[in-house]
Amino acid sequence: MKRQSISLTKPNDEWLKSQVFNEEYSSKSELINDLVRQARKQQAQIDWIKAKLDNAENSGFTHDSKEQILKQSKSLLNG
Protein backbone atom coordinates (compact mmCIF):
# COMPACT_ATOMS: atom_id res chain seq x y z
CA MET A 1 0.00 0.00 0.00
CA LYS A 2 1.33 3.46 -0.85
CA ARG A 3 2.11 5.71 2.10
CA GLN A 4 0.94 9.34 2.07
CA SER A 5 1.28 12.32 4.35
CA ILE A 6 -1.77 14.55 4.67
CA SER A 7 -2.68 17.59 6.73
CA LEU A 8 -6.02 17.75 8.50
CA THR A 9 -7.91 20.56 10.13
CA LYS A 10 -8.26 20.19 13.89
CA PRO A 11 -12.01 19.30 13.76
CA ASN A 12 -11.39 16.65 11.09
CA ASP A 13 -8.49 15.16 13.01
CA GLU A 14 -10.54 15.06 16.21
CA TRP A 15 -13.39 13.35 14.38
CA LEU A 16 -11.03 10.75 12.93
CA LYS A 17 -9.52 10.12 16.35
CA SER A 18 -12.96 9.69 17.90
CA GLN A 19 -13.92 7.10 15.27
CA VAL A 20 -10.80 5.10 16.05
CA PHE A 21 -11.24 5.59 19.81
CA ASN A 22 -14.85 4.32 19.60
CA GLU A 23 -13.51 1.31 17.70
CA GLU A 24 -15.51 2.09 14.56
CA TYR A 25 -12.21 1.68 12.71
CA SER A 26 -8.86 0.26 13.76
CA SER A 27 -6.88 3.22 12.40
CA LYS A 28 -7.19 6.60 10.73
CA SER A 29 -5.81 5.04 7.54
CA GLU A 30 -8.59 2.46 7.46
CA LEU A 31 -11.18 5.19 7.96
CA ILE A 32 -9.71 7.45 5.27
CA ASN A 33 -9.57 4.56 2.80
CA ASP A 34 -13.24 3.80 3.56
CA LEU A 35 -14.18 7.46 3.01
CA VAL A 36 -12.33 7.49 -0.32
CA ARG A 37 -14.12 4.27 -1.39
CA GLN A 38 -17.47 5.82 -0.47
CA ALA A 39 -16.64 9.00 -2.41
CA ARG A 40 -15.60 6.95 -5.46
CA LYS A 41 -18.83 4.93 -5.29
CA GLN A 42 -20.87 8.12 -4.95
CA GLN A 43 -19.08 9.63 -7.95
CA ALA A 44 -19.82 6.52 -10.02
CA GLN A 45 -23.52 6.87 -9.13
CA ILE A 46 -23.48 10.57 -10.03
CA ASP A 47 -21.79 9.77 -13.36
CA TRP A 48 -24.41 7.08 -14.09
CA ILE A 49 -27.29 9.47 -13.32
CA LYS A 50 -25.68 12.21 -15.41
CA ALA A 51 -25.31 9.83 -18.35
CA LYS A 52 -28.98 8.84 -18.05
CA LEU A 53 -30.03 12.50 -17.94
CA ASP A 54 -27.81 13.35 -20.92
CA ASN A 55 -29.35 10.48 -22.91
CA ALA A 56 -32.85 11.61 -21.97
CA GLU A 57 -32.13 15.20 -22.99
CA ASN A 58 -30.60 14.08 -26.28
CA SER A 59 -33.59 11.90 -27.12
CA GLY A 60 -35.78 14.96 -27.53
CA PHE A 61 -38.70 16.51 -25.74
CA THR A 62 -42.33 15.54 -25.69
CA HIS A 63 -45.51 17.54 -25.87
CA ASP A 64 -47.45 14.83 -24.02
CA SER A 65 -49.33 15.85 -20.91
CA LYS A 66 -48.32 14.63 -17.44
CA GLU A 67 -51.27 12.26 -17.52
CA GLN A 68 -50.21 10.79 -20.88
CA ILE A 69 -46.64 10.31 -19.66
CA LEU A 70 -47.87 8.63 -16.49
CA LYS A 71 -50.17 6.34 -18.48
CA GLN A 72 -47.30 5.39 -20.82
CA SER A 73 -44.97 4.73 -17.88
CA LYS A 74 -47.52 2.52 -16.13
CA SER A 75 -48.15 0.67 -19.37
CA LEU A 76 -44.43 -0.04 -19.78
CA LEU A 77 -44.14 -1.23 -16.18
CA ASN A 78 -47.15 -3.53 -16.41
CA GLY A 79 -46.04 -5.01 -19.69
PDB file of N, CA and C in Angstrom:
ATOM      1  N   MET A   1       0.841  -1.168   0.000  1.00  0.00           N
ATOM      2  CA  MET A   1       0.000   0.000   0.000  1.00  0.00           C
ATOM      3  C   MET A   1       0.896   1.244   0.000  1.00  0.00           C
ATOM      4  N   LYS A   2       0.533   2.232  -0.768  1.00  0.00           N
ATOM      5  CA  LYS A   2       1.329   3.456  -0.849  1.00  0.00           C
ATOM      6  C   LYS A   2       1.107   4.316   0.396  1.00  0.00           C
ATOM      7  N   ARG A   3       2.161   4.879   0.903  1.00  0.00           N
ATOM      8  CA  ARG A   3       2.112   5.709   2.101  1.00  0.00           C
ATOM      9  C   ARG A   3       2.012   7.172   1.688  1.00  0.00           C
ATOM     10  N   GLN A   4       1.149   7.927   2.365  1.00  0.00           N
ATOM     11  CA  GLN A   4       0.940   9.343   2.068  1.00  0.00           C
ATOM     12  C   GLN A   4       1.020  10.149   3.360  1.00  0.00           C
ATOM     13  N   SER A   5       1.324  11.398   3.223  1.00  0.00           N
ATOM     14  CA  SER A   5       1.278  12.321   4.345  1.00  0.00           C
ATOM     15  C   SER A   5       0.224  13.368   4.012  1.00  0.00           C
ATOM     16  N   ILE A   6      -0.718  13.560   4.917  1.00  0.00           N
ATOM     17  CA  ILE A   6      -1.771  14.554   4.675  1.00  0.00           C
ATOM     18  C   ILE A   6      -1.891  15.467   5.885  1.00  0.00           C
ATOM     19  N   SER A   7      -2.409  16.646   5.655  1.00  0.00           N
ATOM     20  CA  SER A   7      -2.680  17.595   6.733  1.00  0.00           C
ATOM     21  C   SER A   7      -4.184  17.672   6.921  1.00  0.00           C
ATOM     22  N   LEU A   8      -4.600  17.703   8.174  1.00  0.00           N
ATOM     23  CA  LEU A   8      -6.024  17.755   8.496  1.00  0.00           C
ATOM     24  C   LEU A   8      -6.314  18.973   9.366  1.00  0.00           C
ATOM     25  N   THR A   9      -7.508  19.509   9.208  1.00  0.00           N
ATOM     26  CA  THR A   9      -7.911  20.556  10.134  1.00  0.00           C
ATOM     27  C   THR A   9      -8.137  19.919  11.494  1.00  0.00           C
ATOM     28  N   LYS A  10      -8.099  20.715  12.530  1.00  0.00           N
ATOM     29  CA  LYS A  10      -8.262  20.188  13.891  1.00  0.00           C
ATOM     30  C   LYS A  10      -9.600  19.452  14.063  1.00  0.00           C
ATOM     31  N   PRO A  11     -10.731  20.031  13.600  1.00  0.00           N
ATOM     32  CA  PRO A  11     -12.010  19.302  13.764  1.00  0.00           C
ATOM     33  C   PRO A  11     -12.018  17.957  13.033  1.00  0.00           C
ATOM     34  N   ASN A  12     -11.431  17.911  11.834  1.00  0.00           N
ATOM     35  CA  ASN A  12     -11.395  16.649  11.091  1.00  0.00           C
ATOM     36  C   ASN A  12     -10.510  15.621  11.787  1.00  0.00           C
ATOM     37  N   ASP A  13      -9.378  16.068  12.302  1.00  0.00           N
ATOM     38  CA  ASP A  13      -8.486  15.164  13.014  1.00  0.00           C
ATOM     39  C   ASP A  13      -9.161  14.632  14.277  1.00  0.00           C
ATOM     40  N   GLU A  14      -9.847  15.496  14.996  1.00  0.00           N
ATOM     41  CA  GLU A  14     -10.543  15.065  16.206  1.00  0.00           C
ATOM     42  C   GLU A  14     -11.634  14.053  15.877  1.00  0.00           C
ATOM     43  N   TRP A  15     -12.333  14.281  14.779  1.00  0.00           N
ATOM     44  CA  TRP A  15     -13.389  13.346  14.383  1.00  0.00           C
ATOM     45  C   TRP A  15     -12.789  11.985  14.033  1.00  0.00           C
ATOM     46  N   LEU A  16     -11.700  12.006  13.274  1.00  0.00           N
ATOM     47  CA  LEU A  16     -11.028  10.750  12.928  1.00  0.00           C
ATOM     48  C   LEU A  16     -10.578  10.009  14.188  1.00  0.00           C
ATOM     49  N   LYS A  17      -9.969  10.739  15.107  1.00  0.00           N
ATOM     50  CA  LYS A  17      -9.516  10.123  16.352  1.00  0.00           C
ATOM     51  C   LYS A  17     -10.681   9.513  17.125  1.00  0.00           C
ATOM     52  N   SER A  18     -11.809  10.208  17.147  1.00  0.00           N
ATOM     53  CA  SER A  18     -12.965   9.685  17.895  1.00  0.00           C
ATOM     54  C   SER A  18     -13.502   8.407  17.259  1.00  0.00           C
ATOM     55  N   GLN A  19     -13.464   8.314  15.942  1.00  0.00           N
ATOM     56  CA  GLN A  19     -13.924   7.102  15.272  1.00  0.00           C
ATOM     57  C   GLN A  19     -13.033   5.915  15.620  1.00  0.00           C
ATOM     58  N   VAL A  20     -11.746   6.157  15.686  1.00  0.00           N
ATOM     59  CA  VAL A  20     -10.798   5.101  16.052  1.00  0.00           C
ATOM     60  C   VAL A  20     -10.952   4.770  17.539  1.00  0.00           C
ATOM     61  N   PHE A  21     -11.082   5.802  18.373  1.00  0.00           N
ATOM     62  CA  PHE A  21     -11.236   5.591  19.810  1.00  0.00           C
ATOM     63  C   PHE A  21     -12.497   4.772  20.114  1.00  0.00           C
ATOM     64  N   ASN A  22     -13.591   5.051  19.396  1.00  0.00           N
ATOM     65  CA  ASN A  22     -14.852   4.325  19.601  1.00  0.00           C
ATOM     66  C   ASN A  22     -14.858   2.960  18.914  1.00  0.00           C
ATOM     67  N   GLU A  23     -13.713   2.603  18.355  1.00  0.00           N
ATOM     68  CA  GLU A  23     -13.510   1.312  17.697  1.00  0.00           C
ATOM     69  C   GLU A  23     -14.419   1.086  16.486  1.00  0.00           C
ATOM     70  N   GLU A  24     -14.797   2.196  15.831  1.00  0.00           N
ATOM     71  CA  GLU A  24     -15.509   2.089  14.560  1.00  0.00           C
ATOM     72  C   GLU A  24     -14.532   1.619  13.485  1.00  0.00           C
ATOM     73  N   TYR A  25     -13.289   2.045  13.623  1.00  0.00           N
ATOM     74  CA  TYR A  25     -12.206   1.676  12.708  1.00  0.00           C
ATOM     75  C   TYR A  25     -10.967   1.389  13.548  1.00  0.00           C
ATOM     76  N   SER A  26     -10.066   0.598  13.001  1.00  0.00           N
ATOM     77  CA  SER A  26      -8.857   0.255  13.756  1.00  0.00           C
ATOM     78  C   SER A  26      -7.767   1.321  13.630  1.00  0.00           C
ATOM     79  N   SER A  27      -7.879   2.171  12.597  1.00  0.00           N
ATOM     80  CA  SER A  27      -6.877   3.225  12.402  1.00  0.00           C
ATOM     81  C   SER A  27      -7.452   4.348  11.546  1.00  0.00           C
ATOM     82  N   LYS A  28      -6.784   5.480  11.587  1.00  0.00           N
ATOM     83  CA  LYS A  28      -7.186   6.601  10.733  1.00  0.00           C
ATOM     84  C   LYS A  28      -7.055   6.212   9.259  1.00  0.00           C
ATOM     85  N   SER A  29      -6.014   5.456   8.937  1.00  0.00           N
ATOM     86  CA  SER A  29      -5.806   5.040   7.544  1.00  0.00           C
ATOM     87  C   SER A  29      -6.976   4.208   7.037  1.00  0.00           C
ATOM     88  N   GLU A  30      -7.442   3.286   7.868  1.00  0.00           N
ATOM     89  CA  GLU A  30      -8.586   2.460   7.461  1.00  0.00           C
ATOM     90  C   GLU A  30      -9.809   3.332   7.213  1.00  0.00           C
ATOM     91  N   LEU A  31     -10.029   4.291   8.093  1.00  0.00           N
ATOM     92  CA  LEU A  31     -11.175   5.187   7.957  1.00  0.00           C
ATOM     93  C   LEU A  31     -11.065   6.046   6.704  1.00  0.00           C
ATOM     94  N   ILE A  32      -9.892   6.610   6.457  1.00  0.00           N
ATOM     95  CA  ILE A  32      -9.712   7.455   5.272  1.00  0.00           C
ATOM     96  C   ILE A  32      -9.894   6.632   3.998  1.00  0.00           C
ATOM     97  N   ASN A  33      -9.366   5.416   3.971  1.00  0.00           N
ATOM     98  CA  ASN A  33      -9.572   4.556   2.804  1.00  0.00           C
ATOM     99  C   ASN A  33     -11.053   4.267   2.589  1.00  0.00           C
ATOM    100  N   ASP A  34     -11.800   4.043   3.677  1.00  0.00           N
ATOM    101  CA  ASP A  34     -13.237   3.802   3.556  1.00  0.00           C
ATOM    102  C   ASP A  34     -13.956   5.041   3.020  1.00  0.00           C
ATOM    103  N   LEU A  35     -13.568   6.217   3.503  1.00  0.00           N
ATOM    104  CA  LEU A  35     -14.177   7.457   3.012  1.00  0.00           C
ATOM    105  C   LEU A  35     -13.897   7.669   1.525  1.00  0.00           C
ATOM    106  N   VAL A  36     -12.686   7.355   1.101  1.00  0.00           N
ATOM    107  CA  VAL A  36     -12.335   7.489  -0.322  1.00  0.00           C
ATOM    108  C   VAL A  36     -13.154   6.499  -1.150  1.00  0.00           C
ATOM    109  N   ARG A  37     -13.298   5.251  -0.673  1.00  0.00           N
ATOM    110  CA  ARG A  37     -14.123   4.265  -1.387  1.00  0.00           C
ATOM    111  C   ARG A  37     -15.557   4.753  -1.521  1.00  0.00           C
ATOM    112  N   GLN A  38     -16.101   5.304  -0.430  1.00  0.00           N
ATOM    113  CA  GLN A  38     -17.466   5.823  -0.470  1.00  0.00           C
ATOM    114  C   GLN A  38     -17.591   6.976  -1.464  1.00  0.00           C
ATOM    115  N   ALA A  39     -16.617   7.870  -1.472  1.00  0.00           N
ATOM    116  CA  ALA A  39     -16.642   9.004  -2.406  1.00  0.00           C
ATOM    117  C   ALA A  39     -16.558   8.518  -3.849  1.00  0.00           C
ATOM    118  N   ARG A  40     -15.720   7.495  -4.102  1.00  0.00           N
ATOM    119  CA  ARG A  40     -15.602   6.945  -5.462  1.00  0.00           C
ATOM    120  C   ARG A  40     -16.918   6.296  -5.894  1.00  0.00           C
ATOM    121  N   LYS A  41     -17.549   5.567  -4.986  1.00  0.00           N
ATOM    122  CA  LYS A  41     -18.832   4.930  -5.291  1.00  0.00           C
ATOM    123  C   LYS A  41     -19.896   5.990  -5.569  1.00  0.00           C
ATOM    124  N   GLN A  42     -19.917   7.039  -4.752  1.00  0.00           N
ATOM    125  CA  GLN A  42     -20.874   8.120  -4.952  1.00  0.00           C
ATOM    126  C   GLN A  42     -20.644   8.795  -6.299  1.00  0.00           C
ATOM    127  N   GLN A  43     -19.383   9.010  -6.667  1.00  0.00           N
ATOM    128  CA  GLN A  43     -19.076   9.634  -7.949  1.00  0.00           C
ATOM    129  C   GLN A  43     -19.530   8.754  -9.109  1.00  0.00           C
ATOM    130  N   ALA A  44     -19.363   7.441  -8.973  1.00  0.00           N
ATOM    131  CA  ALA A  44     -19.818   6.519 -10.016  1.00  0.00           C
ATOM    132  C   ALA A  44     -21.335   6.613 -10.174  1.00  0.00           C
ATOM    133  N   GLN A  45     -22.056   6.743  -9.061  1.00  0.00           N
ATOM    134  CA  GLN A  45     -23.515   6.873  -9.127  1.00  0.00           C
ATOM    135  C   GLN A  45     -23.906   8.193  -9.781  1.00  0.00           C
ATOM    136  N   ILE A  46     -23.199   9.253  -9.430  1.00  0.00           N
ATOM    137  CA  ILE A  46     -23.475  10.567 -10.033  1.00  0.00           C
ATOM    138  C   ILE A  46     -23.215  10.519 -11.534  1.00  0.00           C
ATOM    139  N   ASP A  47     -22.109   9.891 -11.934  1.00  0.00           N
ATOM    140  CA  ASP A  47     -21.786   9.772 -13.360  1.00  0.00           C
ATOM    141  C   ASP A  47     -22.858   8.977 -14.094  1.00  0.00           C
ATOM    142  N   TRP A  48     -23.366   7.901 -13.462  1.00  0.00           N
ATOM    143  CA  TRP A  48     -24.413   7.079 -14.086  1.00  0.00           C
ATOM    144  C   TRP A  48     -25.686   7.893 -14.270  1.00  0.00           C
ATOM    145  N   ILE A  49     -26.085   8.634 -13.238  1.00  0.00           N
ATOM    146  CA  ILE A  49     -27.293   9.465 -13.317  1.00  0.00           C
ATOM    147  C   ILE A  49     -27.118  10.547 -14.381  1.00  0.00           C
ATOM    148  N   LYS A  50     -25.941  11.162 -14.407  1.00  0.00           N
ATOM    149  CA  LYS A  50     -25.678  12.211 -15.406  1.00  0.00           C
ATOM    150  C   LYS A  50     -25.776  11.649 -16.818  1.00  0.00           C
ATOM    151  N   ALA A  51     -25.239  10.461 -17.028  1.00  0.00           N
ATOM    152  CA  ALA A  51     -25.313   9.832 -18.350  1.00  0.00           C
ATOM    153  C   ALA A  51     -26.771   9.566 -18.730  1.00  0.00           C
ATOM    154  N   LYS A  52     -27.563   9.091 -17.779  1.00  0.00           N
ATOM    155  CA  LYS A  52     -28.983   8.842 -18.053  1.00  0.00           C
ATOM    156  C   LYS A  52     -29.698  10.147 -18.397  1.00  0.00           C
ATOM    157  N   LEU A  53     -29.404  11.209 -17.657  1.00  0.00           N
ATOM    158  CA  LEU A  53     -30.032  12.501 -17.937  1.00  0.00           C
ATOM    159  C   LEU A  53     -29.599  13.045 -19.297  1.00  0.00           C
ATOM    160  N   ASP A  54     -28.303  12.898 -19.612  1.00  0.00           N
ATOM    161  CA  ASP A  54     -27.814  13.347 -20.923  1.00  0.00           C
ATOM    162  C   ASP A  54     -28.519  12.590 -22.053  1.00  0.00           C
ATOM    163  N   ASN A  55     -28.650  11.275 -21.891  1.00  0.00           N
ATOM    164  CA  ASN A  55     -29.348  10.478 -22.907  1.00  0.00           C
ATOM    165  C   ASN A  55     -30.796  10.911 -23.055  1.00  0.00           C
ATOM    166  N   ALA A  56     -31.444  11.178 -21.930  1.00  0.00           N
ATOM    167  CA  ALA A  56     -32.847  11.609 -21.972  1.00  0.00           C
ATOM    168  C   ALA A  56     -32.976  12.958 -22.679  1.00  0.00           C
ATOM    169  N   GLU A  57     -32.092  13.886 -22.350  1.00  0.00           N
ATOM    170  CA  GLU A  57     -32.134  15.202 -22.990  1.00  0.00           C
ATOM    171  C   GLU A  57     -31.855  15.102 -24.487  1.00  0.00           C
ATOM    172  N   ASN A  58     -30.944  14.219 -24.872  1.00  0.00           N
ATOM    173  CA  ASN A  58     -30.599  14.076 -26.282  1.00  0.00           C
ATOM    174  C   ASN A  58     -31.661  13.334 -27.084  1.00  0.00           C
ATOM    175  N   SER A  59     -32.560  12.649 -26.404  1.00  0.00           N
ATOM    176  CA  SER A  59     -33.590  11.903 -27.125  1.00  0.00           C
ATOM    177  C   SER A  59     -34.754  12.788 -27.548  1.00  0.00           C
ATOM    178  N   GLY A  60     -34.738  14.032 -27.115  1.00  0.00           N
ATOM    179  CA  GLY A  60     -35.778  14.959 -27.527  1.00  0.00           C
ATOM    180  C   GLY A  60     -36.799  15.199 -26.428  1.00  0.00           C
ATOM    181  N   PHE A  61     -37.685  16.140 -26.705  1.00  0.00           N
ATOM    182  CA  PHE A  61     -38.698  16.507 -25.737  1.00  0.00           C
ATOM    183  C   PHE A  61     -40.061  16.076 -26.248  1.00  0.00           C
ATOM    184  N   THR A  62     -40.985  15.970 -25.337  1.00  0.00           N
ATOM    185  CA  THR A  62     -42.327  15.541 -25.694  1.00  0.00           C
ATOM    186  C   THR A  62     -43.322  16.655 -25.413  1.00  0.00           C
ATOM    187  N   HIS A  63     -44.416  16.594 -26.112  1.00  0.00           N
ATOM    188  CA  HIS A  63     -45.506  17.538 -25.868  1.00  0.00           C
ATOM    189  C   HIS A  63     -46.663  16.834 -25.171  1.00  0.00           C
ATOM    190  N   ASP A  64     -46.417  15.574 -24.739  1.00  0.00           N
ATOM    191  CA  ASP A  64     -47.448  14.826 -24.024  1.00  0.00           C
ATOM    192  C   ASP A  64     -47.724  15.485 -22.674  1.00  0.00           C
ATOM    193  N   SER A  65     -48.960  15.324 -22.215  1.00  0.00           N
ATOM    194  CA  SER A  65     -49.328  15.849 -20.906  1.00  0.00           C
ATOM    195  C   SER A  65     -48.760  14.952 -19.810  1.00  0.00           C
ATOM    196  N   LYS A  66     -48.780  15.437 -18.575  1.00  0.00           N
ATOM    197  CA  LYS A  66     -48.320  14.633 -17.442  1.00  0.00           C
ATOM    198  C   LYS A  66     -49.114  13.333 -17.358  1.00  0.00           C
ATOM    199  N   GLU A  67     -50.409  13.437 -17.601  1.00  0.00           N
ATOM    200  CA  GLU A  67     -51.270  12.261 -17.525  1.00  0.00           C
ATOM    201  C   GLU A  67     -50.890  11.227 -18.590  1.00  0.00           C
ATOM    202  N   GLN A  68     -50.598  11.697 -19.801  1.00  0.00           N
ATOM    203  CA  GLN A  68     -50.208  10.790 -20.880  1.00  0.00           C
ATOM    204  C   GLN A  68     -48.862  10.108 -20.557  1.00  0.00           C
ATOM    205  N   ILE A  69     -47.942  10.872 -20.026  1.00  0.00           N
ATOM    206  CA  ILE A  69     -46.635  10.309 -19.664  1.00  0.00           C
ATOM    207  C   ILE A  69     -46.805   9.269 -18.572  1.00  0.00           C
ATOM    208  N   LEU A  70     -47.629   9.572 -17.576  1.00  0.00           N
ATOM    209  CA  LEU A  70     -47.868   8.630 -16.490  1.00  0.00           C
ATOM    210  C   LEU A  70     -48.516   7.354 -17.017  1.00  0.00           C
ATOM    211  N   LYS A  71     -49.486   7.505 -17.905  1.00  0.00           N
ATOM    212  CA  LYS A  71     -50.169   6.342 -18.485  1.00  0.00           C
ATOM    213  C   LYS A  71     -49.174   5.478 -19.283  1.00  0.00           C
ATOM    214  N   GLN A  72     -48.311   6.129 -20.049  1.00  0.00           N
ATOM    215  CA  GLN A  72     -47.304   5.391 -20.819  1.00  0.00           C
ATOM    216  C   GLN A  72     -46.317   4.664 -19.903  1.00  0.00           C
ATOM    217  N   SER A  73     -45.918   5.332 -18.829  1.00  0.00           N
ATOM    218  CA  SER A  73     -44.971   4.727 -17.876  1.00  0.00           C
ATOM    219  C   SER A  73     -45.588   3.517 -17.211  1.00  0.00           C
ATOM    220  N   LYS A  74     -46.840   3.643 -16.770  1.00  0.00           N
ATOM    221  CA  LYS A  74     -47.524   2.519 -16.127  1.00  0.00           C
ATOM    222  C   LYS A  74     -47.683   1.369 -17.111  1.00  0.00           C
ATOM    223  N   SER A  75     -47.983   1.697 -18.353  1.00  0.00           N
ATOM    224  CA  SER A  75     -48.147   0.671 -19.374  1.00  0.00           C
ATOM    225  C   SER A  75     -46.847  -0.093 -19.582  1.00  0.00           C
ATOM    226  N   LEU A  76     -45.730   0.620 -19.608  1.00  0.00           N
ATOM    227  CA  LEU A  76     -44.433  -0.041 -19.780  1.00  0.00           C
ATOM    228  C   LEU A  76     -44.078  -0.914 -18.581  1.00  0.00           C
ATOM    229  N   LEU A  77     -44.434  -0.454 -17.379  1.00  0.00           N
ATOM    230  CA  LEU A  77     -44.136  -1.228 -16.179  1.00  0.00           C
ATOM    231  C   LEU A  77     -44.984  -2.481 -16.080  1.00  0.00           C
ATOM    232  N   ASN A  78     -46.216  -2.394 -16.520  1.00  0.00           N
ATOM    233  CA  ASN A  78     -47.155  -3.525 -16.411  1.00  0.00           C
ATOM    234  C   ASN A  78     -47.053  -4.493 -17.589  1.00  0.00           C
ATOM    235  N   GLY A  79     -46.265  -4.132 -18.550  1.00  0.00           N
ATOM    236  CA  GLY A  79     -46.041  -5.015 -19.693  1.00  0.00           C
ATOM    237  C   GLY A  79     -47.125  -4.866 -20.668  1.00  0.00           C
TER     238      GLY A  79
END
